[in-house]
Amino acid sequence: MKKGTFVKVGDDVGVIVTVAFEDQTPEEHVGIWFGEKDVNNIPMYRTVPEKYCKTILEVNQYH
């Protein structure tokens, strides 16, 4: 798995922003941003074991 890949975890869709050993991401995990921000409007991402991530091959773009 690499950064920028869209994935599905359960019913949630997110994008990979970190990979194992990067920015304290544990081994065999990826950091996924699900669109969440903290109270200061700073994006928050969650680390998830790679085995729970299903790659999404088809995405739509809009402007």
PDB file of N, CA and C in Angstrom:
ATOM      1  N   MET A   1       0.856  -1.172   0.000  1.00  0.00           N
ATOM      2  CA  MET A   1       0.000   0.000   0.000  1.00  0.00           C
ATOM      3  C   MET A   1       0.903   1.236   0.000  1.00  0.00           C
ATOM      4  N   LYS A   2       0.440   2.258  -0.716  1.00  0.00           N
ATOM      5  CA  LYS A   2       1.256   3.466  -0.791  1.00  0.00           C
ATOM      6  C   LYS A   2       0.402   4.696  -0.532  1.00  0.00           C
ATOM      7  N   LYS A   3       1.056   5.793  -0.216  1.00  0.00           N
ATOM      8  CA  LYS A   3       0.365   7.044   0.054  1.00  0.00           C
ATOM      9  C   LYS A   3      -0.471   7.464  -1.147  1.00  0.00           C
ATOM     10  N   GLY A   4      -1.624   8.042  -0.843  1.00  0.00           N
ATOM     11  CA  GLY A   4      -2.508   8.517  -1.893  1.00  0.00           C
ATOM     12  C   GLY A   4      -3.524   7.495  -2.357  1.00  0.00           C
ATOM     13  N   THR A   5      -3.404   6.247  -1.898  1.00  0.00           N
ATOM     14  CA  THR A   5      -4.343   5.197  -2.281  1.00  0.00           C
ATOM     15  C   THR A   5      -5.633   5.353  -1.476  1.00  0.00           C
ATOM     16  N   PHE A   6      -6.762   5.315  -2.167  1.00  0.00           N
ATOM     17  CA  PHE A   6      -8.049   5.309  -1.486  1.00  0.00           C
ATOM     18  C   PHE A   6      -8.330   3.890  -1.010  1.00  0.00           C
ATOM     19  N   VAL A   7      -8.812   3.775   0.227  1.00  0.00           N
ATOM     20  CA  VAL A   7      -9.109   2.466   0.802  1.00  0.00           C
ATOM     21  C   VAL A   7     -10.436   2.501   1.532  1.00  0.00           C
ATOM     22  N   LYS A   8     -10.993   1.318   1.692  1.00  0.00           N
ATOM     23  CA  LYS A   8     -12.201   1.146   2.489  1.00  0.00           C
ATOM     24  C   LYS A   8     -11.835   0.326   3.715  1.00  0.00           C
ATOM     25  N   VAL A   9     -12.262   0.793   4.881  1.00  0.00           N
ATOM     26  CA  VAL A   9     -12.061   0.086   6.141  1.00  0.00           C
ATOM     27  C   VAL A   9     -13.438  -0.034   6.777  1.00  0.00           C
ATOM     28  N   GLY A  10     -13.979  -1.236   6.774  1.00  0.00           N
ATOM     29  CA  GLY A  10     -15.375  -1.400   7.190  1.00  0.00           C
ATOM     30  C   GLY A  10     -16.261  -0.661   6.202  1.00  0.00           C
ATOM     31  N   ASP A  11     -17.072   0.263   6.701  1.00  0.00           N
ATOM     32  CA  ASP A  11     -17.926   1.078   5.831  1.00  0.00           C
ATOM     33  C   ASP A  11     -17.318   2.442   5.528  1.00  0.00           C
ATOM     34  N   ASP A  12     -16.154   2.734   6.098  1.00  0.00           N
ATOM     35  CA  ASP A  12     -15.522   4.042   5.926  1.00  0.00           C
ATOM     36  C   ASP A  12     -14.558   4.058   4.748  1.00  0.00           C
ATOM     37  N   VAL A  13     -14.500   5.204   4.062  1.00  0.00           N
ATOM     38  CA  VAL A  13     -13.573   5.400   2.957  1.00  0.00           C
ATOM     39  C   VAL A  13     -12.589   6.489   3.358  1.00  0.00           C
ATOM     40  N   GLY A  14     -11.308   6.229   3.107  1.00  0.00           N
ATOM     41  CA  GLY A  14     -10.276   7.206   3.420  1.00  0.00           C
ATOM     42  C   GLY A  14      -9.130   7.108   2.441  1.00  0.00           C
ATOM     43  N   VAL A  15      -8.109   7.905   2.686  1.00  0.00           N
ATOM     44  CA  VAL A  15      -6.928   7.915   1.822  1.00  0.00           C
ATOM     45  C   VAL A  15      -5.686   7.723   2.697  1.00  0.00           C
ATOM     46  N   ILE A  16      -4.750   6.918   2.216  1.00  0.00           N
ATOM     47  CA  ILE A  16      -3.526   6.640   2.969  1.00  0.00           C
ATOM     48  C   ILE A  16      -2.622   7.870   2.952  1.00  0.00           C
ATOM     49  N   VAL A  17      -2.192   8.295   4.142  1.00  0.00           N
ATOM     50  CA  VAL A  17      -1.323   9.465   4.255  1.00  0.00           C
ATOM     51  C   VAL A  17       0.043   9.136   4.868  1.00  0.00           C
ATOM     52  N   THR A  18       0.170   7.998   5.554  1.00  0.00           N
ATOM     53  CA  THR A  18       1.468   7.538   6.050  1.00  0.00           C
ATOM     54  C   THR A  18       1.557   6.022   5.871  1.00  0.00           C
ATOM     55  N   VAL A  19       2.786   5.534   5.818  1.00  0.00           N
ATOM     56  CA  VAL A  19       3.029   4.092   5.721  1.00  0.00           C
ATOM     57  C   VAL A  19       3.855   3.651   6.920  1.00  0.00           C
ATOM     58  N   ALA A  20       4.042   2.348   7.079  1.00  0.00           N
ATOM     59  CA  ALA A  20       4.758   1.788   8.234  1.00  0.00           C
ATOM     60  C   ALA A  20       6.098   2.485   8.456  1.00  0.00           C
ATOM     61  N   PHE A  21       6.372   2.773   9.710  1.00  0.00           N
ATOM     62  CA  PHE A  21       7.614   3.384  10.191  1.00  0.00           C
ATOM     63  C   PHE A  21       7.754   4.864   9.822  1.00  0.00           C
ATOM     64  N   GLU A  22       6.750   5.447   9.217  1.00  0.00           N
ATOM     65  CA  GLU A  22       6.776   6.870   8.886  1.00  0.00           C
ATOM     66  C   GLU A  22       5.906   7.609   9.900  1.00  0.00           C
ATOM     67  N   ASP A  23       6.426   8.675  10.468  1.00  0.00           N
ATOM     68  CA  ASP A  23       5.670   9.490  11.426  1.00  0.00           C
ATOM     69  C   ASP A  23       5.075   8.626  12.546  1.00  0.00           C
ATOM     70  N   GLN A  24       5.871   7.698  13.050  1.00  0.00           N
ATOM     71  CA  GLN A  24       5.506   6.806  14.159  1.00  0.00           C
ATOM     72  C   GLN A  24       4.360   5.837  13.826  1.00  0.00           C
ATOM     73  N   THR A  25       4.149   5.559  12.556  1.00  0.00           N
ATOM     74  CA  THR A  25       3.141   4.566  12.154  1.00  0.00           C
ATOM     75  C   THR A  25       3.723   3.176  12.412  1.00  0.00           C
ATOM     76  N   PRO A  26       3.006   2.337  13.162  1.00  0.00           N
ATOM     77  CA  PRO A  26       3.531   1.007  13.506  1.00  0.00           C
ATOM     78  C   PRO A  26       3.752   0.104  12.290  1.00  0.00           C
ATOM     79  N   GLU A  27       4.556  -0.922  12.498  1.00  0.00           N
ATOM     80  CA  GLU A  27       4.809  -1.931  11.463  1.00  0.00           C
ATOM     81  C   GLU A  27       3.487  -2.559  11.017  1.00  0.00           C
ATOM     82  N   GLU A  28       3.364  -2.818   9.718  1.00  0.00           N
ATOM     83  CA  GLU A  28       2.186  -3.444   9.102  1.00  0.00           C
ATOM     84  C   GLU A  28       0.919  -2.598   9.253  1.00  0.00           C
ATOM     85  N   HIS A  29       1.069  -1.296   9.476  1.00  0.00           N
ATOM     86  CA  HIS A  29      -0.052  -0.363   9.574  1.00  0.00           C
ATOM     87  C   HIS A  29       0.106   0.734   8.519  1.00  0.00           C
ATOM     88  N   VAL A  30      -0.972   1.428   8.264  1.00  0.00           N
ATOM     89  CA  VAL A  30      -0.947   2.643   7.444  1.00  0.00           C
ATOM     90  C   VAL A  30      -1.747   3.702   8.183  1.00  0.00           C
ATOM     91  N   GLY A  31      -1.425   4.960   7.921  1.00  0.00           N
ATOM     92  CA  GLY A  31      -2.201   6.071   8.459  1.00  0.00           C
ATOM     93  C   GLY A  31      -3.235   6.468   7.436  1.00  0.00           C
ATOM     94  N   ILE A  32      -4.493   6.531   7.855  1.00  0.00           N
ATOM     95  CA  ILE A  32      -5.583   6.845   6.928  1.00  0.00           C
ATOM     96  C   ILE A  32      -6.327   8.086   7.407  1.00  0.00           C
ATOM     97  N   TRP A  33      -6.522   9.012   6.473  1.00  0.00           N
ATOM     98  CA  TRP A  33      -7.313  10.195   6.771  1.00  0.00           C
ATOM     99  C   TRP A  33      -8.730   9.949   6.280  1.00  0.00           C
ATOM    100  N   PHE A  34      -9.682  10.040   7.205  1.00  0.00           N
ATOM    101  CA  PHE A  34     -11.088   9.825   6.895  1.00  0.00           C
ATOM    102  C   PHE A  34     -11.854  11.150   6.812  1.00  0.00           C
ATOM    103  N   GLY A  35     -11.140  12.254   6.680  1.00  0.00           N
ATOM    104  CA  GLY A  35     -11.776  13.569   6.565  1.00  0.00           C
ATOM    105  C   GLY A  35     -11.988  14.269   7.895  1.00  0.00           C
ATOM    106  N   GLU A  36     -11.487  13.687   8.976  1.00  0.00           N
ATOM    107  CA  GLU A  36     -11.698  14.274  10.303  1.00  0.00           C
ATOM    108  C   GLU A  36     -10.687  15.375  10.602  1.00  0.00           C
ATOM    109  N   LYS A  37     -11.126  16.368  11.409  1.00  0.00           N
ATOM    110  CA  LYS A  37     -10.254  17.445  11.883  1.00  0.00           C
ATOM    111  C   LYS A  37     -10.481  17.622  13.374  1.00  0.00           C
ATOM    112  N   ASP A  38      -9.460  18.139  14.067  1.00  0.00           N
ATOM    113  CA  ASP A  38      -9.617  18.384  15.496  1.00  0.00           C
ATOM    114  C   ASP A  38     -10.290  19.740  15.717  1.00  0.00           C
ATOM    115  N   VAL A  39     -10.404  20.155  16.967  1.00  0.00           N
ATOM    116  CA  VAL A  39     -11.097  21.403  17.298  1.00  0.00           C
ATOM    117  C   VAL A  39     -10.391  22.635  16.723  1.00  0.00           C
ATOM    118  N   ASN A  40      -9.111  22.499  16.381  1.00  0.00           N
ATOM    119  CA  ASN A  40      -8.353  23.601  15.780  1.00  0.00           C
ATOM    120  C   ASN A  40      -8.327  23.522  14.255  1.00  0.00           C
ATOM    121  N   ASN A  41      -9.180  22.663  13.701  1.00  0.00           N
ATOM    122  CA  ASN A  41      -9.297  22.479  12.254  1.00  0.00           C
ATOM    123  C   ASN A  41      -8.057  21.843  11.625  1.00  0.00           C
ATOM    124  N   ILE A  42      -7.295  21.090  12.419  1.00  0.00           N
ATOM    125  CA  ILE A  42      -6.106  20.386  11.935  1.00  0.00           C
ATOM    126  C   ILE A  42      -6.505  18.957  11.581  1.00  0.00           C
ATOM    127  N   PRO A  43      -6.155  18.486  10.372  1.00  0.00           N
ATOM    128  CA  PRO A  43      -6.526  17.123   9.983  1.00  0.00           C
ATOM    129  C   PRO A  43      -5.960  16.080  10.944  1.00  0.00           C
ATOM    130  N   MET A  44      -6.780  15.060  11.230  1.00  0.00           N
ATOM    131  CA  MET A  44      -6.379  13.940  12.079  1.00  0.00           C
ATOM    132  C   MET A  44      -6.476  12.669  11.260  1.00  0.00           C
ATOM    133  N   TYR A  45      -5.469  11.795  11.391  1.00  0.00           N
ATOM    134  CA  TYR A  45      -5.544  10.505  10.706  1.00  0.00           C
ATOM    135  C   TYR A  45      -5.409   9.389  11.723  1.00  0.00           C
ATOM    136  N   ARG A  46      -5.891   8.233  11.339  1.00  0.00           N
ATOM    137  CA  ARG A  46      -5.898   7.068  12.224  1.00  0.00           C
ATOM    138  C   ARG A  46      -4.989   5.999  11.640  1.00  0.00           C
ATOM    139  N   THR A  47      -4.239   5.287  12.498  1.00  0.00           N
ATOM    140  CA  THR A  47      -3.435   4.164  12.019  1.00  0.00           C
ATOM    141  C   THR A  47      -4.279   2.891  12.086  1.00  0.00           C
ATOM    142  N   VAL A  48      -4.167   2.095  11.022  1.00  0.00           N
ATOM    143  CA  VAL A  48      -4.988   0.891  10.861  1.00  0.00           C
ATOM    144  C   VAL A  48      -4.094  -0.223  10.318  1.00  0.00           C
ATOM    145  N   PRO A  49      -4.235  -1.458  10.805  1.00  0.00           N
ATOM    146  CA  PRO A  49      -3.491  -2.560  10.205  1.00  0.00           C
ATOM    147  C   PRO A  49      -3.843  -2.688   8.712  1.00  0.00           C
ATOM    148  N   GLU A  50      -2.826  -2.884   7.893  1.00  0.00           N
ATOM    149  CA  GLU A  50      -3.038  -3.002   6.447  1.00  0.00           C
ATOM    150  C   GLU A  50      -4.055  -4.084   6.095  1.00  0.00           C
ATOM    151  N   LYS A  51      -4.105  -5.163   6.887  1.00  0.00           N
ATOM    152  CA  LYS A  51      -4.989  -6.282   6.547  1.00  0.00           C
ATOM    153  C   LYS A  51      -6.468  -5.896   6.584  1.00  0.00           C
ATOM    154  N   TYR A  52      -6.823  -4.785   7.217  1.00  0.00           N
ATOM    155  CA  TYR A  52      -8.218  -4.343   7.269  1.00  0.00           C
ATOM    156  C   TYR A  52      -8.570  -3.374   6.146  1.00  0.00           C
ATOM    157  N   CYS A  53      -7.588  -3.038   5.300  1.00  0.00           N
ATOM    158  CA  CYS A  53      -7.788  -2.058   4.235  1.00  0.00           C
ATOM    159  C   CYS A  53      -8.051  -2.741   2.901  1.00  0.00           C
ATOM    160  N   LYS A  54      -9.105  -2.316   2.239  1.00  0.00           N
ATOM    161  CA  LYS A  54      -9.412  -2.823   0.905  1.00  0.00           C
ATOM    162  C   LYS A  54      -9.207  -1.670  -0.076  1.00  0.00           C
ATOM    163  N   THR A  55      -8.316  -1.859  -1.040  1.00  0.00           N
ATOM    164  CA  THR A  55      -8.024  -0.817  -2.012  1.00  0.00           C
ATOM    165  C   THR A  55      -9.240  -0.518  -2.872  1.00  0.00           C
ATOM    166  N   ILE A  56      -9.508   0.759  -3.086  1.00  0.00           N
ATOM    167  CA  ILE A  56     -10.583   1.195  -3.967  1.00  0.00           C
ATOM    168  C   ILE A  56      -9.948   1.566  -5.301  1.00  0.00           C
ATOM    169  N   LEU A  57     -10.332   0.877  -6.346  1.00  0.00           N
ATOM    170  CA  LEU A  57      -9.728   1.090  -7.655  1.00  0.00           C
ATOM    171  C   LEU A  57     -10.439   2.160  -8.470  1.00  0.00           C
ATOM    172  N   GLU A  58     -11.724   2.358  -8.214  1.00  0.00           N
ATOM    173  CA  GLU A  58     -12.491   3.323  -8.996  1.00  0.00           C
ATOM    174  C   GLU A  58     -12.893   4.501  -8.124  1.00  0.00           C
ATOM    175  N   VAL A  59     -12.442   5.692  -8.495  1.00  0.00           N
ATOM    176  CA  VAL A  59     -12.827   6.916  -7.794  1.00  0.00           C
ATOM    177  C   VAL A  59     -13.309   7.931  -8.829  1.00  0.00           C
ATOM    178  N   ASN A  60     -14.133   8.848  -8.396  1.00  0.00           N
ATOM    179  CA  ASN A  60     -14.634   9.900  -9.270  1.00  0.00           C
ATOM    180  C   ASN A  60     -14.022  11.231  -8.879  1.00  0.00           C
ATOM    181  N   GLN A  61     -13.807  12.067  -9.869  1.00  0.00           N
ATOM    182  CA  GLN A  61     -13.216  13.383  -9.646  1.00  0.00           C
ATOM    183  C   GLN A  61     -14.260  14.448  -9.977  1.00  0.00           C
ATOM    184  N   TYR A  62     -14.242  15.541  -9.232  1.00  0.00           N
ATOM    185  CA  TYR A  62     -15.094  16.678  -9.554  1.00  0.00           C
ATOM    186  C   TYR A  62     -14.342  17.963  -9.280  1.00  0.00           C
ATOM    187  N   HIS A  63     -14.824  19.061  -9.860  1.00  0.00           N
ATOM    188  CA  HIS A  63     -14.158  20.367  -9.711  1.00  0.00           C
ATOM    189  C   HIS A  63     -15.075  21.323  -9.012  1.00  0.00           C
TER     190      HIS A  63
END
